[in-house]
Amino acid sequence: TTFIIRLPTEVREPKAESAAASESIASLKMEGRPVLVVDDDADTRQVLQRFLNRKGFPVECASSGVEGLRLARELHPMAIILDVMMPGMDGWAVLSTLKSEEEVKDIPVVMLTIVDDKNLGYALGATDYLIKPVDRDRLIEILAKFRNVPPPRSALVVDDEEPARKMLTQILEKERWNVVQAENGLEALERIAKHRPDLILLDLVMPNMNGYQFLAELRKHEKWRSIPIIVVTAKDMSTEERLALDGYVEKVLPKHALTEEALLTEIQDLIAACVHAKQPAPNKRGI
């Protein structure tokens, strides 16, 4: 029997993973909200995306102002890198629109331009300003400040009494909540249709649509059912009335005994349970 063995004259190492593949794998491991790059120039988008990916930042890109606004609303990115000179809707128009919308106005925006016009950028609400070609070290320094900052939280305060709305709003705003107010249930539903809040503080006794009617309407909308609700009321509630709220609200707090510390404690518990976790509200409790 004859065996023939062929040996290669040259032994080659396995091909190293390409830079593009390496970056792709690295980006899959990244967590958290992305940086949104808005620039009509494809080369600029690609360079920034690769650079930021290597530094551990997940990145999404938009090639126009209109697309950038859409992604900002959908993703609520950690920060936006926004080119000024774009056809159609330029960077200034995008920035003005972002700062006029409650849901996205707090997203940090870093302007990119070939023209030094910092005063206009800051006047329109830009967080920072970089001139092309971009100083990469400076860009990372800016973005690092926002890396672990949670997205702003929003609350809807529903009460027909202005002093009560004002008090609750002041408490929440001190803790850096974005607060929207409504005088009754009907107005509250209109507010929610425009922007879904992370939390609702609800009075029960109101004209036009009271708290019970509001809760019944809210339950008809599947997307709204998981919004945590704290009832803050001056009403002396019976056992039957409390049971009627079971399954609808997380907590009932009496107005006359309400302190800032007590309210914030309840809110912090709810945040830990369902807002930050991005999960549906837990089984209703504490009524």
C-alpha atoms as a PDB file:
ATOM      1  CA  THR A   1       0.000   0.000   0.000  1.00  0.00           C
ATOM      2  CA  THR A   2       1.292   3.440  -0.932  1.00  0.00           C
ATOM      3  CA  PHE A   3       0.340   6.627   0.978  1.00  0.00           C
ATOM      4  CA  ILE A   4       0.865  10.043  -0.567  1.00  0.00           C
ATOM      5  CA  ILE A   5       1.078  13.074   1.719  1.00  0.00           C
ATOM      6  CA  ARG A   6       1.169  16.584   0.268  1.00  0.00           C
ATOM      7  CA  LEU A   7       2.532  19.358   2.481  1.00  0.00           C
ATOM      8  CA  PRO A   8       2.111  23.062   1.678  1.00  0.00           C
ATOM      9  CA  THR A   9       5.290  24.909   0.803  1.00  0.00           C
ATOM     10  CA  GLU A  10       4.031  27.993   2.681  1.00  0.00           C
ATOM     11  CA  VAL A  11       2.107  28.098   5.947  1.00  0.00           C
ATOM     12  CA  ARG A  12      -0.136  31.133   6.314  1.00  0.00           C
ATOM     13  CA  GLU A  13      -1.710  32.500   9.476  1.00  0.00           C
ATOM     14  CA  PRO A  14      -5.521  32.738   9.473  1.00  0.00           C
ATOM     15  CA  LYS A  15      -6.701  36.041   8.108  1.00  0.00           C
ATOM     16  CA  ALA A  16      -7.120  38.670  10.760  1.00  0.00           C
ATOM     17  CA  GLU A  17     -10.594  39.979  11.295  1.00  0.00           C
ATOM     18  CA  SER A  18     -11.155  42.997   9.099  1.00  0.00           C
ATOM     19  CA  ALA A  19     -11.415  46.401  10.739  1.00  0.00           C
ATOM     20  CA  ALA A  20     -14.988  46.759   9.527  1.00  0.00           C
ATOM     21  CA  ALA A  21     -15.990  43.371  10.941  1.00  0.00           C
ATOM     22  CA  SER A  22     -14.229  44.132  14.221  1.00  0.00           C
ATOM     23  CA  GLU A  23     -16.067  47.424  14.553  1.00  0.00           C
ATOM     24  CA  SER A  24     -19.357  45.748  13.707  1.00  0.00           C
ATOM     25  CA  ILE A  25     -18.848  43.145  16.429  1.00  0.00           C
ATOM     26  CA  ALA A  26     -17.775  45.837  18.895  1.00  0.00           C
ATOM     27  CA  SER A  27     -20.867  47.878  18.154  1.00  0.00           C
ATOM     28  CA  LEU A  28     -23.089  44.882  18.859  1.00  0.00           C
ATOM     29  CA  LYS A  29     -21.634  44.720  22.368  1.00  0.00           C
ATOM     30  CA  MET A  30     -22.421  48.355  23.087  1.00  0.00           C
ATOM     31  CA  GLU A  31     -25.352  49.177  25.281  1.00  0.00           C
ATOM     32  CA  GLY A  32     -27.266  52.306  26.126  1.00  0.00           C
ATOM     33  CA  ARG A  33     -28.692  55.121  24.079  1.00  0.00           C
ATOM     34  CA  PRO A  34     -26.861  55.933  20.844  1.00  0.00           C
ATOM     35  CA  VAL A  35     -25.212  59.090  19.618  1.00  0.00           C
ATOM     36  CA  LEU A  36     -27.154  60.403  16.618  1.00  0.00           C
ATOM     37  CA  VAL A  37     -24.990  61.819  13.803  1.00  0.00           C
ATOM     38  CA  VAL A  38     -26.906  64.088  11.403  1.00  0.00           C
ATOM     39  CA  ASP A  39     -24.877  65.064   8.336  1.00  0.00           C
ATOM     40  CA  ASP A  40     -25.626  65.004   4.612  1.00  0.00           C
ATOM     41  CA  ASP A  41     -22.013  64.023   3.830  1.00  0.00           C
ATOM     42  CA  ALA A  42     -21.658  60.222   3.757  1.00  0.00           C
ATOM     43  CA  ASP A  43     -17.896  60.313   4.393  1.00  0.00           C
ATOM     44  CA  THR A  44     -18.335  62.419   7.521  1.00  0.00           C
ATOM     45  CA  ARG A  45     -21.026  60.102   8.841  1.00  0.00           C
ATOM     46  CA  GLN A  46     -18.878  57.031   8.215  1.00  0.00           C
ATOM     47  CA  VAL A  47     -15.755  58.519   9.794  1.00  0.00           C
ATOM     48  CA  LEU A  48     -17.612  59.667  12.907  1.00  0.00           C
ATOM     49  CA  GLN A  49     -19.472  56.385  13.266  1.00  0.00           C
ATOM     50  CA  ARG A  50     -16.296  54.295  13.064  1.00  0.00           C
ATOM     51  CA  PHE A  51     -14.408  56.566  15.429  1.00  0.00           C
ATOM     52  CA  LEU A  52     -17.187  56.679  18.030  1.00  0.00           C
ATOM     53  CA  ASN A  53     -17.773  52.924  17.775  1.00  0.00           C
ATOM     54  CA  ARG A  54     -14.096  52.351  18.562  1.00  0.00           C
ATOM     55  CA  LYS A  55     -14.525  54.549  21.630  1.00  0.00           C
ATOM     56  CA  GLY A  56     -17.492  52.483  22.781  1.00  0.00           C
ATOM     57  CA  PHE A  57     -20.362  54.720  21.688  1.00  0.00           C
ATOM     58  CA  PRO A  58     -23.284  53.158  19.791  1.00  0.00           C
ATOM     59  CA  VAL A  59     -24.122  55.369  16.805  1.00  0.00           C
ATOM     60  CA  GLU A  60     -27.120  55.966  14.546  1.00  0.00           C
ATOM     61  CA  CYS A  61     -26.882  58.169  11.454  1.00  0.00           C
ATOM     62  CA  ALA A  62     -29.219  60.424   9.493  1.00  0.00           C
ATOM     63  CA  SER A  63     -28.452  61.959   6.105  1.00  0.00           C
ATOM     64  CA  SER A  64     -30.900  64.874   6.355  1.00  0.00           C
ATOM     65  CA  GLY A  65     -32.487  67.191   8.877  1.00  0.00           C
ATOM     66  CA  VAL A  66     -35.916  65.613   8.444  1.00  0.00           C
ATOM     67  CA  GLU A  67     -34.543  62.121   9.040  1.00  0.00           C
ATOM     68  CA  GLY A  68     -32.573  63.410  12.009  1.00  0.00           C
ATOM     69  CA  LEU A  69     -35.709  64.776  13.664  1.00  0.00           C
ATOM     70  CA  ARG A  70     -37.531  61.493  13.108  1.00  0.00           C
ATOM     71  CA  LEU A  71     -34.737  59.461  14.690  1.00  0.00           C
ATOM     72  CA  ALA A  72     -34.389  61.923  17.572  1.00  0.00           C
ATOM     73  CA  ARG A  73     -38.064  61.430  18.430  1.00  0.00           C
ATOM     74  CA  GLU A  74     -37.891  57.651  18.046  1.00  0.00           C
ATOM     75  CA  LEU A  75     -34.562  56.948  19.753  1.00  0.00           C
ATOM     76  CA  HIS A  76     -34.147  59.810  22.221  1.00  0.00           C
ATOM     77  CA  PRO A  77     -30.363  59.564  21.740  1.00  0.00           C
ATOM     78  CA  MET A  78     -27.747  60.308  24.363  1.00  0.00           C
ATOM     79  CA  ALA A  79     -26.575  63.251  22.235  1.00  0.00           C
ATOM     80  CA  ILE A  80     -26.900  64.590  18.699  1.00  0.00           C
ATOM     81  CA  ILE A  81     -23.972  65.617  16.498  1.00  0.00           C
ATOM     82  CA  LEU A  82     -25.565  68.000  14.020  1.00  0.00           C
ATOM     83  CA  ASP A  83     -24.056  69.478  10.862  1.00  0.00           C
ATOM     84  CA  VAL A  84     -25.071  73.051  10.116  1.00  0.00           C
ATOM     85  CA  MET A  85     -24.688  73.144   6.332  1.00  0.00           C
ATOM     86  CA  MET A  86     -27.236  70.719   4.872  1.00  0.00           C
ATOM     87  CA  PRO A  87     -29.589  71.080   1.893  1.00  0.00           C
ATOM     88  CA  GLY A  88     -33.291  71.430   2.556  1.00  0.00           C
ATOM     89  CA  MET A  89     -33.599  71.634   6.325  1.00  0.00           C
ATOM     90  CA  ASP A  90     -30.282  72.928   7.644  1.00  0.00           C
ATOM     91  CA  GLY A  91     -28.808  72.374  11.090  1.00  0.00           C
ATOM     92  CA  TRP A  92     -30.143  75.633  12.533  1.00  0.00           C
ATOM     93  CA  ALA A  93     -33.700  74.689  11.556  1.00  0.00           C
ATOM     94  CA  VAL A  94     -33.258  71.219  13.054  1.00  0.00           C
ATOM     95  CA  LEU A  95     -31.881  72.685  16.288  1.00  0.00           C
ATOM     96  CA  SER A  96     -34.756  75.169  16.577  1.00  0.00           C
ATOM     97  CA  THR A  97     -37.294  72.385  16.065  1.00  0.00           C
ATOM     98  CA  LEU A  98     -35.623  70.123  18.632  1.00  0.00           C
ATOM     99  CA  LYS A  99     -35.638  72.837  21.268  1.00  0.00           C
ATOM    100  CA  SER A 100     -39.308  73.635  20.625  1.00  0.00           C
ATOM    101  CA  GLU A 101     -40.545  70.081  21.267  1.00  0.00           C
ATOM    102  CA  GLU A 102     -41.083  68.976  24.861  1.00  0.00           C
ATOM    103  CA  GLU A 103     -40.108  65.359  24.212  1.00  0.00           C
ATOM    104  CA  VAL A 104     -36.667  66.056  22.731  1.00  0.00           C
ATOM    105  CA  LYS A 105     -35.711  69.542  23.895  1.00  0.00           C
ATOM    106  CA  ASP A 106     -33.323  68.267  26.588  1.00  0.00           C
ATOM    107  CA  ILE A 107     -31.193  66.120  24.259  1.00  0.00           C
ATOM    108  CA  PRO A 108     -27.665  67.622  24.135  1.00  0.00           C
ATOM    109  CA  VAL A 109     -26.793  68.904  20.645  1.00  0.00           C
ATOM    110  CA  VAL A 110     -23.231  69.409  19.389  1.00  0.00           C
ATOM    111  CA  MET A 111     -23.095  71.558  16.260  1.00  0.00           C
ATOM    112  CA  LEU A 112     -20.577  70.842  13.463  1.00  0.00           C
ATOM    113  CA  THR A 113     -19.691  73.529  10.946  1.00  0.00           C
ATOM    114  CA  ILE A 114     -16.913  75.004   8.845  1.00  0.00           C
ATOM    115  CA  VAL A 115     -17.927  78.499  10.007  1.00  0.00           C
ATOM    116  CA  ASP A 116     -17.244  79.781  13.514  1.00  0.00           C
ATOM    117  CA  ASP A 117     -20.675  80.992  14.632  1.00  0.00           C
ATOM    118  CA  LYS A 118     -20.813  79.910  18.264  1.00  0.00           C
ATOM    119  CA  ASN A 119     -23.031  82.759  19.414  1.00  0.00           C
ATOM    120  CA  LEU A 120     -25.898  81.723  17.142  1.00  0.00           C
ATOM    121  CA  GLY A 121     -25.516  78.080  18.143  1.00  0.00           C
ATOM    122  CA  TYR A 122     -25.629  78.809  21.850  1.00  0.00           C
ATOM    123  CA  ALA A 123     -28.501  81.264  21.402  1.00  0.00           C
ATOM    124  CA  LEU A 124     -30.569  78.533  19.732  1.00  0.00           C
ATOM    125  CA  GLY A 125     -29.811  76.048  22.503  1.00  0.00           C
ATOM    126  CA  ALA A 126     -26.763  74.094  21.311  1.00  0.00           C
ATOM    127  CA  THR A 127     -24.825  72.349  24.076  1.00  0.00           C
ATOM    128  CA  ASP A 128     -21.463  72.691  22.360  1.00  0.00           C
ATOM    129  CA  TYR A 129     -19.858  73.640  19.068  1.00  0.00           C
ATOM    130  CA  LEU A 130     -17.092  72.086  16.965  1.00  0.00           C
ATOM    131  CA  ILE A 131     -15.485  73.398  13.787  1.00  0.00           C
ATOM    132  CA  LYS A 132     -14.570  70.987  10.988  1.00  0.00           C
ATOM    133  CA  PRO A 133     -12.206  69.186  10.777  1.00  0.00           C
ATOM    134  CA  VAL A 134     -13.401  67.803  14.094  1.00  0.00           C
ATOM    135  CA  ASP A 135     -11.064  67.728  17.085  1.00  0.00           C
ATOM    136  CA  ARG A 136     -11.698  64.096  18.040  1.00  0.00           C
ATOM    137  CA  ASP A 137     -10.313  64.366  21.560  1.00  0.00           C
ATOM    138  CA  ARG A 138     -12.567  67.332  22.221  1.00  0.00           C
ATOM    139  CA  LEU A 139     -15.583  65.453  20.806  1.00  0.00           C
ATOM    140  CA  ILE A 140     -15.001  62.498  23.145  1.00  0.00           C
ATOM    141  CA  GLU A 141     -14.544  64.888  26.055  1.00  0.00           C
ATOM    142  CA  ILE A 142     -17.938  66.442  25.289  1.00  0.00           C
ATOM    143  CA  LEU A 143     -19.793  63.155  24.781  1.00  0.00           C
ATOM    144  CA  ALA A 144     -18.310  61.573  27.916  1.00  0.00           C
ATOM    145  CA  LYS A 145     -20.308  64.047  30.010  1.00  0.00           C
ATOM    146  CA  PHE A 146     -23.580  62.612  28.708  1.00  0.00           C
ATOM    147  CA  ARG A 147     -22.719  58.912  28.650  1.00  0.00           C
ATOM    148  CA  ASN A 148     -24.333  57.945  31.968  1.00  0.00           C
ATOM    149  CA  VAL A 149     -26.993  60.621  32.117  1.00  0.00           C
ATOM    150  CA  PRO A 150     -30.490  59.057  32.141  1.00  0.00           C
ATOM    151  CA  PRO A 151     -33.085  60.426  29.732  1.00  0.00           C
ATOM    152  CA  PRO A 152     -35.216  63.205  31.188  1.00  0.00           C
ATOM    153  CA  ARG A 153     -38.376  62.003  32.919  1.00  0.00           C
ATOM    154  CA  SER A 154     -41.771  63.514  32.256  1.00  0.00           C
ATOM    155  CA  ALA A 155     -44.809  63.818  34.497  1.00  0.00           C
ATOM    156  CA  LEU A 156     -48.408  64.883  33.931  1.00  0.00           C
ATOM    157  CA  VAL A 157     -50.102  66.672  36.844  1.00  0.00           C
ATOM    158  CA  VAL A 158     -53.909  66.542  36.606  1.00  0.00           C
ATOM    159  CA  ASP A 159     -55.803  68.757  39.071  1.00  0.00           C
ATOM    160  CA  ASP A 160     -58.440  71.466  38.712  1.00  0.00           C
ATOM    161  CA  GLU A 161     -56.916  73.512  41.551  1.00  0.00           C
ATOM    162  CA  GLU A 162     -54.059  75.730  40.407  1.00  0.00           C
ATOM    163  CA  PRO A 163     -52.292  75.873  43.823  1.00  0.00           C
ATOM    164  CA  ALA A 164     -52.181  72.066  43.929  1.00  0.00           C
ATOM    165  CA  ARG A 165     -50.810  71.849  40.374  1.00  0.00           C
ATOM    166  CA  LYS A 166     -48.209  74.478  41.170  1.00  0.00           C
ATOM    167  CA  MET A 167     -47.081  72.723  44.353  1.00  0.00           C
ATOM    168  CA  LEU A 168     -46.705  69.325  42.684  1.00  0.00           C
ATOM    169  CA  THR A 169     -44.968  70.853  39.671  1.00  0.00           C
ATOM    170  CA  GLN A 170     -42.426  72.655  41.854  1.00  0.00           C
ATOM    171  CA  ILE A 171     -41.619  69.459  43.760  1.00  0.00           C
ATOM    172  CA  LEU A 172     -41.039  67.528  40.541  1.00  0.00           C
ATOM    173  CA  GLU A 173     -39.094  70.245  38.747  1.00  0.00           C
ATOM    174  CA  LYS A 174     -36.676  70.457  41.675  1.00  0.00           C
ATOM    175  CA  GLU A 175     -35.859  66.830  40.854  1.00  0.00           C
ATOM    176  CA  ARG A 176     -35.372  67.738  37.156  1.00  0.00           C
ATOM    177  CA  TRP A 177     -38.647  66.300  35.864  1.00  0.00           C
ATOM    178  CA  ASN A 178     -40.324  67.790  32.803  1.00  0.00           C
ATOM    179  CA  VAL A 179     -43.855  68.592  33.953  1.00  0.00           C
ATOM    180  CA  VAL A 180     -47.017  69.178  31.931  1.00  0.00           C
ATOM    181  CA  GLN A 181     -50.263  70.256  33.610  1.00  0.00           C
ATOM    182  CA  ALA A 182     -53.939  69.574  32.923  1.00  0.00           C
ATOM    183  CA  GLU A 183     -57.030  70.982  34.671  1.00  0.00           C
ATOM    184  CA  ASN A 184     -59.284  67.956  34.121  1.00  0.00           C
ATOM    185  CA  GLY A 185     -59.451  64.487  32.631  1.00  0.00           C
ATOM    186  CA  LEU A 186     -60.331  65.623  29.118  1.00  0.00           C
ATOM    187  CA  GLU A 187     -57.377  67.970  28.948  1.00  0.00           C
ATOM    188  CA  ALA A 188     -55.141  65.250  30.388  1.00  0.00           C
ATOM    189  CA  LEU A 189     -56.097  62.818  27.618  1.00  0.00           C
ATOM    190  CA  GLU A 190     -55.208  65.464  25.032  1.00  0.00           C
ATOM    191  CA  ARG A 191     -51.814  65.972  26.674  1.00  0.00           C
ATOM    192  CA  ILE A 192     -51.095  62.219  26.725  1.00  0.00           C
ATOM    193  CA  ALA A 193     -52.028  61.892  23.045  1.00  0.00           C
ATOM    194  CA  LYS A 194     -49.270  64.396  22.239  1.00  0.00           C
ATOM    195  CA  HIS A 195     -46.662  62.925  24.585  1.00  0.00           C
ATOM    196  CA  ARG A 196     -46.859  59.838  26.784  1.00  0.00           C
ATOM    197  CA  PRO A 197     -45.600  60.762  30.276  1.00  0.00           C
ATOM    198  CA  ASP A 198     -43.533  58.531  32.550  1.00  0.00           C
ATOM    199  CA  LEU A 199     -45.816  59.306  35.498  1.00  0.00           C
ATOM    200  CA  ILE A 200     -49.267  60.764  36.202  1.00  0.00           C
ATOM    201  CA  LEU A 201     -50.268  62.564  39.417  1.00  0.00           C
ATOM    202  CA  LEU A 202     -54.065  62.580  39.461  1.00  0.00           C
ATOM    203  CA  ASP A 203     -56.775  64.330  41.455  1.00  0.00           C
ATOM    204  CA  LEU A 204     -60.147  62.580  41.612  1.00  0.00           C
ATOM    205  CA  VAL A 205     -62.678  65.391  42.049  1.00  0.00           C
ATOM    206  CA  MET A 206     -62.644  67.589  38.927  1.00  0.00           C
ATOM    207  CA  PRO A 207     -65.211  69.153  36.565  1.00  0.00           C
ATOM    208  CA  ASN A 208     -65.834  67.981  32.974  1.00  0.00           C
ATOM    209  CA  MET A 209     -64.119  64.624  33.496  1.00  0.00           C
ATOM    210  CA  ASN A 210     -63.242  63.442  36.993  1.00  0.00           C
ATOM    211  CA  GLY A 211     -60.430  61.110  37.978  1.00  0.00           C
ATOM    212  CA  TYR A 212     -62.522  57.926  37.829  1.00  0.00           C
ATOM    213  CA  GLN A 213     -63.767  58.740  34.328  1.00  0.00           C
ATOM    214  CA  PHE A 214     -60.235  59.614  33.244  1.00  0.00           C
ATOM    215  CA  LEU A 215     -58.926  56.253  34.455  1.00  0.00           C
ATOM    216  CA  ALA A 216     -61.672  54.415  32.586  1.00  0.00           C
ATOM    217  CA  GLU A 217     -60.787  56.240  29.356  1.00  0.00           C
ATOM    218  CA  LEU A 218     -57.078  55.685  29.881  1.00  0.00           C
ATOM    219  CA  ARG A 219     -57.607  51.934  30.163  1.00  0.00           C
ATOM    220  CA  LYS A 220     -59.140  51.858  26.682  1.00  0.00           C
ATOM    221  CA  HIS A 221     -55.714  52.632  25.189  1.00  0.00           C
ATOM    222  CA  GLU A 222     -53.322  49.703  25.447  1.00  0.00           C
ATOM    223  CA  LYS A 223     -50.219  51.896  25.100  1.00  0.00           C
ATOM    224  CA  TRP A 224     -51.259  54.013  28.074  1.00  0.00           C
ATOM    225  CA  ARG A 225     -52.251  51.292  30.537  1.00  0.00           C
ATOM    226  CA  SER A 226     -48.749  50.842  31.895  1.00  0.00           C
ATOM    227  CA  ILE A 227     -48.243  54.506  32.859  1.00  0.00           C
ATOM    228  CA  PRO A 228     -47.725  54.621  36.656  1.00  0.00           C
ATOM    229  CA  ILE A 229     -50.389  56.709  38.407  1.00  0.00           C
ATOM    230  CA  ILE A 230     -50.388  58.259  41.881  1.00  0.00           C
ATOM    231  CA  VAL A 231     -53.690  59.678  43.087  1.00  0.00           C
ATOM    232  CA  VAL A 232     -53.302  62.848  45.168  1.00  0.00           C
ATOM    233  CA  THR A 233     -56.687  63.818  46.561  1.00  0.00           C
ATOM    234  CA  ALA A 234     -58.386  65.804  49.329  1.00  0.00           C
ATOM    235  CA  LYS A 235     -61.351  63.430  49.199  1.00  0.00           C
ATOM    236  CA  ASP A 236     -61.989  61.323  52.304  1.00  0.00           C
ATOM    237  CA  MET A 237     -62.282  57.998  50.540  1.00  0.00           C
ATOM    238  CA  SER A 238     -64.336  55.055  51.703  1.00  0.00           C
ATOM    239  CA  THR A 239     -63.141  51.462  51.504  1.00  0.00           C
ATOM    240  CA  GLU A 240     -65.400  50.897  48.499  1.00  0.00           C
ATOM    241  CA  GLU A 241     -63.937  53.902  46.676  1.00  0.00           C
ATOM    242  CA  ARG A 242     -60.413  52.684  47.309  1.00  0.00           C
ATOM    243  CA  LEU A 243     -61.303  49.230  46.058  1.00  0.00           C
ATOM    244  CA  ALA A 244     -62.721  50.816  42.895  1.00  0.00           C
ATOM    245  CA  LEU A 245     -59.223  52.111  42.142  1.00  0.00           C
ATOM    246  CA  ASP A 246     -57.583  48.743  42.725  1.00  0.00           C
ATOM    247  CA  GLY A 247     -55.734  47.697  39.579  1.00  0.00           C
ATOM    248  CA  TYR A 248     -55.752  51.234  38.180  1.00  0.00           C
ATOM    249  CA  VAL A 249     -53.302  53.193  40.354  1.00  0.00           C
ATOM    250  CA  GLU A 250     -50.144  52.526  42.336  1.00  0.00           C
ATOM    251  CA  LYS A 251     -50.879  54.700  45.356  1.00  0.00           C
ATOM    252  CA  VAL A 252     -53.429  57.050  46.897  1.00  0.00           C
ATOM    253  CA  LEU A 253     -51.950  59.968  48.844  1.00  0.00           C
ATOM    254  CA  PRO A 254     -54.017  62.443  50.914  1.00  0.00           C
ATOM    255  CA  LYS A 255     -53.421  66.088  50.016  1.00  0.00           C
ATOM    256  CA  HIS A 256     -53.765  67.348  53.584  1.00  0.00           C
ATOM    257  CA  ALA A 257     -50.942  65.126  54.854  1.00  0.00           C
ATOM    258  CA  LEU A 258     -48.744  65.217  51.763  1.00  0.00           C
ATOM    259  CA  THR A 259     -45.124  66.229  52.258  1.00  0.00           C
ATOM    260  CA  GLU A 260     -42.456  66.713  49.631  1.00  0.00           C
ATOM    261  CA  GLU A 261     -40.423  63.866  51.126  1.00  0.00           C
ATOM    262  CA  ALA A 262     -43.379  61.454  51.088  1.00  0.00           C
ATOM    263  CA  LEU A 263     -44.244  62.239  47.475  1.00  0.00           C
ATOM    264  CA  LEU A 264     -40.660  61.886  46.260  1.00  0.00           C
ATOM    265  CA  THR A 265     -40.269  58.592  48.114  1.00  0.00           C
ATOM    266  CA  GLU A 266     -43.323  57.161  46.360  1.00  0.00           C
ATOM    267  CA  ILE A 267     -42.142  58.441  42.989  1.00  0.00           C
ATOM    268  CA  GLN A 268     -38.649  57.025  43.451  1.00  0.00           C
ATOM    269  CA  ASP A 269     -40.158  53.634  44.295  1.00  0.00           C
ATOM    270  CA  LEU A 270     -42.178  53.719  41.089  1.00  0.00           C
ATOM    271  CA  ILE A 271     -39.172  54.725  39.009  1.00  0.00           C
ATOM    272  CA  ALA A 272     -37.178  51.818  40.371  1.00  0.00           C
ATOM    273  CA  ALA A 273     -40.070  49.435  39.719  1.00  0.00           C
ATOM    274  CA  CYS A 274     -41.155  50.324  36.218  1.00  0.00           C
ATOM    275  CA  VAL A 275     -39.971  53.579  34.650  1.00  0.00           C
ATOM    276  CA  HIS A 276     -36.216  53.055  34.509  1.00  0.00           C
ATOM    277  CA  ALA A 277     -36.646  49.346  33.893  1.00  0.00           C
ATOM    278  CA  LYS A 278     -38.816  50.151  30.843  1.00  0.00           C
ATOM    279  CA  GLN A 279     -41.268  47.489  31.938  1.00  0.00           C
ATOM    280  CA  PRO A 280     -45.038  47.593  32.360  1.00  0.00           C
ATOM    281  CA  ALA A 281     -46.135  48.843  35.747  1.00  0.00           C
ATOM    282  CA  PRO A 282     -46.010  46.191  38.474  1.00  0.00           C
ATOM    283  CA  ASN A 283     -49.149  44.783  40.048  1.00  0.00           C
ATOM    284  CA  LYS A 284     -50.942  47.686  41.673  1.00  0.00           C
ATOM    285  CA  ARG A 285     -50.240  48.095  45.347  1.00  0.00           C
ATOM    286  CA  GLY A 286     -50.590  50.246  48.424  1.00  0.00           C
ATOM    287  CA  ILE A 287     -54.155  51.475  47.874  1.00  0.00           C
END
